[in-house]
């Protein structure tokens, strides 16, 4: 009888973490989680726009020495 009680106690202790994880999965996302995801998506969108703007500026870059060169002699 003593072994049975100890075995049941050990099994219940080992099952608690799995039960705790499953309990949270039944509920939907909280308002805080939704807000965090929305903020992360907004931040990601702003980051991508800034990177695209930087790349566009680098691609449209003109010759930095254009004002330092003299007129072309046609040689």
N, C-alpha and C. Protein backbone atom coordinates (compact mmCIF):
# COMPACT_ATOMS: atom_id res chain seq x y z
N UNK A 1 0.82 -1.19 0.00
CA UNK A 1 0.00 0.00 0.00
C UNK A 1 0.86 1.25 0.00
N UNK A 2 1.93 1.22 0.79
CA UNK A 2 2.84 2.36 0.88
C UNK A 2 3.49 2.63 -0.49
N UNK A 3 3.88 1.56 -1.19
CA UNK A 3 4.51 1.73 -2.51
C UNK A 3 3.53 2.33 -3.52
N UNK A 4 2.29 1.93 -3.41
CA UNK A 4 1.26 2.44 -4.31
C UNK A 4 1.05 3.94 -4.10
N UNK A 5 1.01 4.38 -2.88
CA UNK A 5 0.83 5.80 -2.56
C UNK A 5 2.03 6.61 -3.05
N UNK A 6 3.22 6.08 -2.84
CA UNK A 6 4.43 6.77 -3.29
C UNK A 6 4.45 6.84 -4.82
N UNK A 7 4.06 5.77 -5.50
CA UNK A 7 4.03 5.76 -6.96
C UNK A 7 3.01 6.75 -7.49
N UNK A 8 1.83 6.82 -6.89
CA UNK A 8 0.82 7.78 -7.31
C UNK A 8 1.27 9.21 -7.08
N UNK A 9 1.94 9.48 -5.96
CA UNK A 9 2.44 10.81 -5.67
C UNK A 9 3.52 11.22 -6.68
N UNK A 10 4.41 10.28 -7.01
CA UNK A 10 5.47 10.56 -7.98
C UNK A 10 4.87 10.83 -9.36
N UNK A 11 3.88 10.05 -9.74
CA UNK A 11 3.25 10.24 -11.05
C UNK A 11 2.53 11.57 -11.12
N UNK A 12 1.89 11.99 -10.04
CA UNK A 12 1.18 13.27 -10.06
C UNK A 12 2.16 14.44 -10.09
N UNK A 13 3.29 14.30 -9.40
CA UNK A 13 4.30 15.36 -9.43
C UNK A 13 4.89 15.50 -10.83
N UNK A 14 5.11 14.38 -11.49
CA UNK A 14 5.67 14.42 -12.84
C UNK A 14 4.66 14.92 -13.87
N UNK A 15 3.38 14.76 -13.61
CA UNK A 15 2.36 15.18 -14.56
C UNK A 15 1.99 16.65 -14.42
N UNK A 16 2.36 17.29 -13.35
CA UNK A 16 1.98 18.69 -13.14
C UNK A 16 2.50 19.65 -14.20
N UNK A 17 3.77 19.59 -14.62
CA UNK A 17 4.23 20.53 -15.65
C UNK A 17 3.47 20.38 -16.97
N UNK A 18 3.19 19.16 -17.37
CA UNK A 18 2.45 18.95 -18.62
C UNK A 18 1.03 19.49 -18.49
N UNK A 19 0.42 19.29 -17.35
CA UNK A 19 -0.92 19.80 -17.12
C UNK A 19 -0.94 21.33 -17.15
N UNK A 20 0.07 21.95 -16.57
CA UNK A 20 0.14 23.41 -16.53
C UNK A 20 0.32 23.98 -17.94
N UNK A 21 1.10 23.33 -18.77
CA UNK A 21 1.29 23.81 -20.14
C UNK A 21 0.00 23.66 -20.94
N UNK A 22 -0.71 22.59 -20.74
CA UNK A 22 -1.93 22.36 -21.51
C UNK A 22 -3.04 23.32 -21.09
N UNK A 23 -3.07 23.69 -19.84
CA UNK A 23 -4.12 24.57 -19.35
C UNK A 23 -4.05 25.93 -20.05
N UNK A 24 -2.85 26.44 -20.29
CA UNK A 24 -2.71 27.73 -20.95
C UNK A 24 -3.03 27.67 -22.43
N UNK A 25 -2.93 26.49 -23.03
CA UNK A 25 -3.17 26.35 -24.47
C UNK A 25 -4.65 26.41 -24.82
N UNK A 26 -5.51 26.14 -23.86
CA UNK A 26 -6.94 26.13 -24.13
C UNK A 26 -7.49 27.52 -24.36
N UNK A 27 -6.88 28.51 -23.77
CA UNK A 27 -7.35 29.88 -23.89
C UNK A 27 -6.73 30.54 -25.11
N UNK A 28 -7.41 31.55 -25.63
CA UNK A 28 -6.88 32.30 -26.76
C UNK A 28 -5.82 33.28 -26.31
N UNK A 29 -5.21 33.99 -27.25
CA UNK A 29 -4.18 34.96 -26.87
C UNK A 29 -4.78 36.12 -26.06
N UNK A 30 -4.00 36.62 -25.13
CA UNK A 30 -4.47 37.72 -24.30
C UNK A 30 -4.35 39.03 -25.07
N UNK A 31 -4.96 40.07 -24.54
CA UNK A 31 -4.89 41.38 -25.19
C UNK A 31 -3.45 41.88 -25.23
N UNK A 32 -2.69 41.56 -24.20
CA UNK A 32 -1.29 41.99 -24.16
C UNK A 32 -0.48 41.31 -25.26
N UNK A 33 -0.71 40.01 -25.47
CA UNK A 33 0.00 39.29 -26.53
C UNK A 33 -0.37 39.83 -27.90
N UNK A 34 -1.64 40.13 -28.10
CA UNK A 34 -2.09 40.69 -29.38
C UNK A 34 -1.43 42.05 -29.61
N UNK A 35 -1.36 42.86 -28.57
CA UNK A 35 -0.74 44.18 -28.68
C UNK A 35 0.74 44.06 -29.00
N UNK A 36 1.41 43.12 -28.36
CA UNK A 36 2.84 42.92 -28.63
C UNK A 36 3.08 42.48 -30.07
N UNK A 37 2.23 41.57 -30.56
CA UNK A 37 2.37 41.11 -31.95
C UNK A 37 2.12 42.26 -32.92
N UNK A 38 1.12 43.08 -32.63
CA UNK A 38 0.80 44.21 -33.50
C UNK A 38 1.95 45.21 -33.51
N UNK A 39 2.52 45.50 -32.33
CA UNK A 39 3.65 46.42 -32.25
C UNK A 39 4.87 45.87 -32.98
N UNK A 40 5.10 44.57 -32.85
CA UNK A 40 6.24 43.95 -33.53
C UNK A 40 6.06 44.02 -35.04
N UNK A 41 4.85 43.78 -35.52
CA UNK A 41 4.58 43.84 -36.95
C UNK A 41 4.75 45.27 -37.47
N UNK A 42 4.29 46.25 -36.70
CA UNK A 42 4.43 47.65 -37.08
C UNK A 42 5.91 48.05 -37.12
N UNK A 43 6.66 47.62 -36.13
CA UNK A 43 8.09 47.93 -36.09
C UNK A 43 8.81 47.28 -37.26
N UNK A 44 8.44 46.04 -37.58
CA UNK A 44 9.06 45.34 -38.70
C UNK A 44 8.75 46.05 -40.02
N UNK A 45 7.53 46.53 -40.16
CA UNK A 45 7.14 47.25 -41.38
C UNK A 45 7.93 48.55 -41.50
N UNK A 46 8.10 49.27 -40.41
CA UNK A 46 8.89 50.51 -40.44
C UNK A 46 10.36 50.23 -40.76
N UNK A 47 10.88 49.14 -40.22
CA UNK A 47 12.27 48.76 -40.48
C UNK A 47 12.47 48.46 -41.97
N UNK A 48 11.55 47.68 -42.54
CA UNK A 48 11.67 47.34 -43.96
C UNK A 48 11.55 48.58 -44.83
N UNK A 49 10.69 49.52 -44.46
CA UNK A 49 10.55 50.75 -45.24
C UNK A 49 11.84 51.58 -45.16
N UNK A 50 12.45 51.63 -43.99
CA UNK A 50 13.69 52.39 -43.83
C UNK A 50 14.82 51.75 -44.63
N UNK A 51 14.90 50.44 -44.62
CA UNK A 51 15.93 49.74 -45.40
C UNK A 51 15.73 49.99 -46.89
N UNK A 52 14.48 49.92 -47.35
CA UNK A 52 14.20 50.16 -48.77
C UNK A 52 14.56 51.59 -49.16
N UNK A 53 14.23 52.54 -48.30
CA UNK A 53 14.55 53.93 -48.58
C UNK A 53 16.07 54.14 -48.64
N UNK A 54 16.79 53.50 -47.76
CA UNK A 54 18.25 53.61 -47.76
C UNK A 54 18.83 52.99 -49.03
N UNK A 55 18.32 51.84 -49.43
CA UNK A 55 18.81 51.19 -50.64
C UNK A 55 18.49 52.03 -51.88
N UNK A 56 17.31 52.63 -51.91
CA UNK A 56 16.95 53.49 -53.04
C UNK A 56 17.88 54.70 -53.11
N UNK A 57 18.22 55.26 -51.97
CA UNK A 57 19.11 56.42 -51.93
C UNK A 57 20.51 56.03 -52.39
N UNK A 58 20.96 54.84 -52.04
CA UNK A 58 22.29 54.40 -52.45
C UNK A 58 22.33 54.11 -53.94
N UNK A 59 21.26 53.57 -54.48
CA UNK A 59 21.22 53.25 -55.90
C UNK A 59 21.14 54.51 -56.75
N UNK A 60 20.52 55.55 -56.26
CA UNK A 60 20.37 56.79 -57.01
C UNK A 60 21.52 57.75 -56.75
N UNK A 61 22.55 57.29 -56.08
CA UNK A 61 23.67 58.16 -55.72
C UNK A 61 24.40 58.64 -56.97
N UNK A 62 24.69 59.91 -57.00
CA UNK A 62 25.40 60.48 -58.14
C UNK A 62 26.89 60.41 -57.91
N UNK A 63 27.61 60.83 -58.90
CA UNK A 63 29.07 60.85 -58.82
C UNK A 63 29.50 61.92 -57.82
N UNK A 64 30.22 61.56 -56.75
CA UNK A 64 30.60 62.55 -55.75
C UNK A 64 31.67 63.53 -56.26
N UNK A 65 32.38 63.18 -57.33
CA UNK A 65 33.43 64.04 -57.87
C UNK A 65 32.96 64.85 -59.09
N UNK A 66 31.68 64.87 -59.33
CA UNK A 66 31.16 65.53 -60.52
C UNK A 66 31.50 67.03 -60.53
N UNK A 67 31.49 67.69 -59.39
CA UNK A 67 31.78 69.13 -59.34
C UNK A 67 33.28 69.41 -59.35
N UNK A 68 34.10 68.43 -59.11
CA UNK A 68 35.55 68.64 -59.03
C UNK A 68 36.23 68.48 -60.38
N UNK A 69 35.60 67.79 -61.30
CA UNK A 69 36.21 67.57 -62.60
C UNK A 69 35.96 68.76 -63.53
N UNK A 70 36.89 68.98 -64.39
CA UNK A 70 36.73 70.05 -65.36
C UNK A 70 35.85 69.58 -66.50
N UNK A 71 35.56 70.50 -67.39
CA UNK A 71 34.73 70.11 -68.54
C UNK A 71 35.46 69.09 -69.41
N UNK A 72 34.70 68.27 -70.05
CA UNK A 72 35.28 67.22 -70.88
C UNK A 72 35.88 67.87 -72.15
N UNK A 73 37.10 67.49 -72.46
CA UNK A 73 37.78 68.01 -73.64
C UNK A 73 37.44 67.23 -74.91
N UNK A 74 36.74 66.15 -74.74
CA UNK A 74 36.37 65.33 -75.90
C UNK A 74 37.50 64.41 -76.32
N UNK A 75 38.46 64.19 -75.47
CA UNK A 75 39.59 63.32 -75.85
C UNK A 75 39.25 61.88 -75.69
